Amino acid sequence: MLSCFVPLLILRPLITAFLEYILAIEVFKRGKLMPIAITCFLFFLATYQFGEFLYFTSNQNRFWLSVSLFSTTMLPAYGILLI
């Protein structure tokens, strides 16, 4: 675990991920215009934030780095669907 970070700054990605997951669920339930694409986009944004949080707080850094990289890689594909 890296100890050079302020604990309150570590909570920012967790809070952001939590809000993005809630927003993704709401868009999936009530979305009118392309709800699947927007939900997937929000889901991968939240997964990146959650992976970033767990990267800095857990001992399995390589796994969470891979999760964050995968979700970041998926974002342009879903972004193109929104154009």
N, C-alpha and C. Protein backbone atom coordinates (compact mmCIF):
# COMPACT_ATOMS: atom_id res chain seq x y z
N MET A 1 0.84 -1.19 0.00
CA MET A 1 0.00 0.00 0.00
C MET A 1 0.88 1.24 0.00
N LEU A 2 0.52 2.18 -0.81
CA LEU A 2 1.27 3.42 -0.87
C LEU A 2 0.83 4.33 0.26
N SER A 3 1.79 4.86 0.98
CA SER A 3 1.43 5.67 2.15
C SER A 3 1.62 7.16 1.91
N CYS A 4 1.85 7.57 0.69
CA CYS A 4 2.11 8.98 0.43
C CYS A 4 0.84 9.77 0.10
N PHE A 5 -0.32 9.13 0.17
CA PHE A 5 -1.55 9.81 -0.17
C PHE A 5 -2.34 10.17 1.08
N VAL A 6 -3.04 11.27 1.00
CA VAL A 6 -3.89 11.73 2.08
C VAL A 6 -5.15 10.85 2.09
N PRO A 7 -5.56 10.33 3.25
CA PRO A 7 -6.72 9.42 3.29
C PRO A 7 -8.00 10.02 2.71
N LEU A 8 -8.23 11.30 2.88
CA LEU A 8 -9.44 11.90 2.33
C LEU A 8 -9.43 11.94 0.81
N LEU A 9 -8.24 12.07 0.22
CA LEU A 9 -8.15 12.07 -1.24
C LEU A 9 -8.37 10.68 -1.81
N ILE A 10 -8.11 9.66 -1.01
CA ILE A 10 -8.34 8.30 -1.45
C ILE A 10 -9.85 8.03 -1.56
N LEU A 11 -10.66 8.69 -0.78
CA LEU A 11 -12.10 8.47 -0.81
C LEU A 11 -12.78 9.08 -2.03
N ARG A 12 -12.15 10.02 -2.68
CA ARG A 12 -12.76 10.67 -3.84
C ARG A 12 -13.13 9.67 -4.94
N PRO A 13 -12.23 8.75 -5.36
CA PRO A 13 -12.65 7.81 -6.40
C PRO A 13 -13.77 6.87 -5.94
N LEU A 14 -13.80 6.52 -4.66
CA LEU A 14 -14.85 5.64 -4.16
C LEU A 14 -16.21 6.34 -4.20
N ILE A 15 -16.25 7.58 -3.79
CA ILE A 15 -17.51 8.34 -3.81
C ILE A 15 -17.95 8.57 -5.25
N THR A 16 -17.01 8.90 -6.12
CA THR A 16 -17.34 9.12 -7.53
C THR A 16 -17.86 7.84 -8.17
N ALA A 17 -17.22 6.70 -7.88
CA ALA A 17 -17.67 5.42 -8.43
C ALA A 17 -19.07 5.10 -7.93
N PHE A 18 -19.32 5.31 -6.66
CA PHE A 18 -20.64 5.03 -6.08
C PHE A 18 -21.72 5.87 -6.77
N LEU A 19 -21.45 7.16 -6.98
CA LEU A 19 -22.42 8.02 -7.65
C LEU A 19 -22.61 7.63 -9.12
N GLU A 20 -21.54 7.23 -9.79
CA GLU A 20 -21.67 6.83 -11.19
C GLU A 20 -22.42 5.52 -11.33
N TYR A 21 -22.24 4.59 -10.40
CA TYR A 21 -23.02 3.34 -10.44
C TYR A 21 -24.51 3.63 -10.24
N ILE A 22 -24.82 4.52 -9.30
CA ILE A 22 -26.23 4.89 -9.07
C ILE A 22 -26.80 5.57 -10.31
N LEU A 23 -26.05 6.47 -10.91
CA LEU A 23 -26.51 7.14 -12.12
C LEU A 23 -26.70 6.15 -13.27
N ALA A 24 -25.81 5.18 -13.39
CA ALA A 24 -25.95 4.17 -14.44
C ALA A 24 -27.23 3.35 -14.26
N ILE A 25 -27.54 3.01 -13.02
CA ILE A 25 -28.77 2.26 -12.75
C ILE A 25 -30.00 3.11 -13.10
N GLU A 26 -29.98 4.38 -12.73
CA GLU A 26 -31.11 5.26 -13.05
C GLU A 26 -31.27 5.46 -14.55
N VAL A 27 -30.18 5.61 -15.26
CA VAL A 27 -30.26 5.76 -16.71
C VAL A 27 -30.80 4.49 -17.34
N PHE A 28 -30.38 3.33 -16.84
CA PHE A 28 -30.87 2.07 -17.38
C PHE A 28 -32.37 1.91 -17.15
N LYS A 29 -32.83 2.33 -15.98
CA LYS A 29 -34.26 2.20 -15.66
C LYS A 29 -35.12 3.21 -16.42
N ARG A 30 -34.68 4.46 -16.48
CA ARG A 30 -35.54 5.54 -16.97
C ARG A 30 -35.05 6.22 -18.23
N GLY A 31 -33.95 5.74 -18.80
CA GLY A 31 -33.39 6.40 -19.98
C GLY A 31 -34.27 6.26 -21.20
N LYS A 32 -34.36 7.30 -21.98
CA LYS A 32 -35.18 7.31 -23.18
C LYS A 32 -34.32 7.19 -24.45
N LEU A 33 -33.18 7.84 -24.46
CA LEU A 33 -32.34 7.91 -25.65
C LEU A 33 -31.08 7.07 -25.43
N MET A 34 -30.98 5.91 -26.07
CA MET A 34 -29.83 5.01 -26.00
C MET A 34 -29.43 4.66 -24.57
N PRO A 35 -30.32 4.10 -23.77
CA PRO A 35 -29.99 3.84 -22.37
C PRO A 35 -28.91 2.78 -22.18
N ILE A 36 -28.82 1.80 -23.09
CA ILE A 36 -27.81 0.75 -22.93
C ILE A 36 -26.41 1.32 -23.13
N ALA A 37 -26.21 2.12 -24.17
CA ALA A 37 -24.89 2.68 -24.44
C ALA A 37 -24.46 3.64 -23.33
N ILE A 38 -25.37 4.47 -22.87
CA ILE A 38 -25.03 5.42 -21.81
C ILE A 38 -24.78 4.69 -20.50
N THR A 39 -25.55 3.64 -20.23
CA THR A 39 -25.34 2.85 -19.02
C THR A 39 -23.98 2.17 -19.05
N CYS A 40 -23.62 1.60 -20.18
CA CYS A 40 -22.31 0.95 -20.29
C CYS A 40 -21.18 1.97 -20.12
N PHE A 41 -21.35 3.15 -20.72
CA PHE A 41 -20.34 4.19 -20.59
C PHE A 41 -20.16 4.58 -19.12
N LEU A 42 -21.26 4.80 -18.41
CA LEU A 42 -21.19 5.16 -16.99
C LEU A 42 -20.64 4.01 -16.15
N PHE A 43 -21.00 2.77 -16.51
CA PHE A 43 -20.50 1.62 -15.78
C PHE A 43 -18.99 1.51 -15.88
N PHE A 44 -18.43 1.71 -17.08
CA PHE A 44 -16.99 1.63 -17.22
C PHE A 44 -16.27 2.82 -16.59
N LEU A 45 -16.90 3.98 -16.59
CA LEU A 45 -16.34 5.11 -15.84
C LEU A 45 -16.27 4.80 -14.35
N ALA A 46 -17.35 4.25 -13.82
CA ALA A 46 -17.38 3.91 -12.39
C ALA A 46 -16.42 2.79 -12.06
N THR A 47 -16.28 1.81 -12.95
CA THR A 47 -15.35 0.71 -12.71
C THR A 47 -13.91 1.21 -12.70
N TYR A 48 -13.61 2.18 -13.56
CA TYR A 48 -12.28 2.79 -13.52
C TYR A 48 -12.02 3.45 -12.16
N GLN A 49 -12.98 4.23 -11.68
CA GLN A 49 -12.82 4.91 -10.40
C GLN A 49 -12.69 3.91 -9.25
N PHE A 50 -13.51 2.86 -9.29
CA PHE A 50 -13.45 1.84 -8.24
C PHE A 50 -12.12 1.08 -8.28
N GLY A 51 -11.64 0.78 -9.48
CA GLY A 51 -10.34 0.13 -9.61
C GLY A 51 -9.21 1.01 -9.13
N GLU A 52 -9.31 2.30 -9.39
CA GLU A 52 -8.30 3.25 -8.90
C GLU A 52 -8.29 3.28 -7.37
N PHE A 53 -9.47 3.29 -6.76
CA PHE A 53 -9.55 3.27 -5.30
C PHE A 53 -8.91 2.01 -4.73
N LEU A 54 -9.27 0.86 -5.30
CA LEU A 54 -8.74 -0.39 -4.77
C LEU A 54 -7.27 -0.59 -5.11
N TYR A 55 -6.80 0.03 -6.17
CA TYR A 55 -5.37 -0.03 -6.51
C TYR A 55 -4.53 0.57 -5.38
N PHE A 56 -4.99 1.67 -4.83
CA PHE A 56 -4.22 2.34 -3.79
C PHE A 56 -4.49 1.81 -2.39
N THR A 57 -5.56 1.05 -2.21
CA THR A 57 -5.88 0.61 -0.85
C THR A 57 -5.73 -0.89 -0.62
N SER A 58 -5.49 -1.67 -1.66
CA SER A 58 -5.37 -3.12 -1.45
C SER A 58 -3.96 -3.60 -1.77
N ASN A 59 -3.75 -4.87 -1.51
CA ASN A 59 -2.44 -5.46 -1.78
C ASN A 59 -2.36 -6.09 -3.17
N GLN A 60 -3.46 -6.22 -3.86
CA GLN A 60 -3.49 -6.82 -5.19
C GLN A 60 -3.44 -5.72 -6.25
N ASN A 61 -2.37 -4.99 -6.26
CA ASN A 61 -2.28 -3.81 -7.13
C ASN A 61 -2.34 -4.17 -8.61
N ARG A 62 -1.70 -5.26 -9.00
CA ARG A 62 -1.67 -5.60 -10.43
C ARG A 62 -3.07 -5.94 -10.96
N PHE A 63 -3.86 -6.65 -10.19
CA PHE A 63 -5.21 -6.99 -10.63
C PHE A 63 -6.07 -5.74 -10.81
N TRP A 64 -6.05 -4.84 -9.84
CA TRP A 64 -6.90 -3.64 -9.93
C TRP A 64 -6.39 -2.68 -10.98
N LEU A 65 -5.08 -2.70 -11.24
CA LEU A 65 -4.55 -1.91 -12.34
C LEU A 65 -5.08 -2.45 -13.67
N SER A 66 -5.17 -3.78 -13.79
CA SER A 66 -5.71 -4.39 -15.01
C SER A 66 -7.20 -4.07 -15.18
N VAL A 67 -7.95 -4.08 -14.08
CA VAL A 67 -9.38 -3.72 -14.14
C VAL A 67 -9.53 -2.28 -14.61
N SER A 68 -8.74 -1.39 -14.05
CA SER A 68 -8.82 0.03 -14.44
C SER A 68 -8.41 0.22 -15.90
N LEU A 69 -7.38 -0.48 -16.33
CA LEU A 69 -6.94 -0.36 -17.72
C LEU A 69 -7.99 -0.89 -18.68
N PHE A 70 -8.61 -2.02 -18.34
CA PHE A 70 -9.65 -2.58 -19.21
C PHE A 70 -10.83 -1.62 -19.33
N SER A 71 -11.27 -1.09 -18.20
CA SER A 71 -12.43 -0.20 -18.26
C SER A 71 -12.10 1.10 -18.99
N THR A 72 -10.87 1.58 -18.87
CA THR A 72 -10.46 2.77 -19.61
C THR A 72 -10.40 2.49 -21.11
N THR A 73 -9.99 1.27 -21.46
CA THR A 73 -9.91 0.89 -22.86
C THR A 73 -11.29 0.80 -23.50
N MET A 74 -12.30 0.45 -22.73
CA MET A 74 -13.65 0.31 -23.27
C MET A 74 -14.36 1.66 -23.48
N LEU A 75 -13.91 2.69 -22.82
CA LEU A 75 -14.60 3.99 -22.88
C LEU A 75 -14.67 4.59 -24.29
N PRO A 76 -13.59 4.59 -25.09
CA PRO A 76 -13.72 5.18 -26.44
C PRO A 76 -14.74 4.45 -27.32
N ALA A 77 -14.83 3.15 -27.16
CA ALA A 77 -15.79 2.39 -27.98
C ALA A 77 -17.23 2.83 -27.67
N TYR A 78 -17.54 2.98 -26.41
CA TYR A 78 -18.89 3.42 -26.05
C TYR A 78 -19.08 4.91 -26.32
N GLY A 79 -18.02 5.67 -26.29
CA GLY A 79 -18.12 7.08 -26.64
C GLY A 79 -18.47 7.28 -28.11
N ILE A 80 -17.93 6.40 -28.97
CA ILE A 80 -18.25 6.48 -30.39
C ILE A 80 -19.71 6.15 -30.64
N LEU A 81 -20.28 5.23 -29.85
CA LEU A 81 -21.70 4.91 -29.99
C LEU A 81 -22.59 6.11 -29.69
N LEU A 82 -22.11 7.03 -28.87
CA LEU A 82 -22.93 8.17 -28.47
C LEU A 82 -22.90 9.31 -29.50
N ILE A 83 -22.04 9.20 -30.49
CA ILE A 83 -21.94 10.26 -31.52
C ILE A 83 -23.06 10.11 -32.52
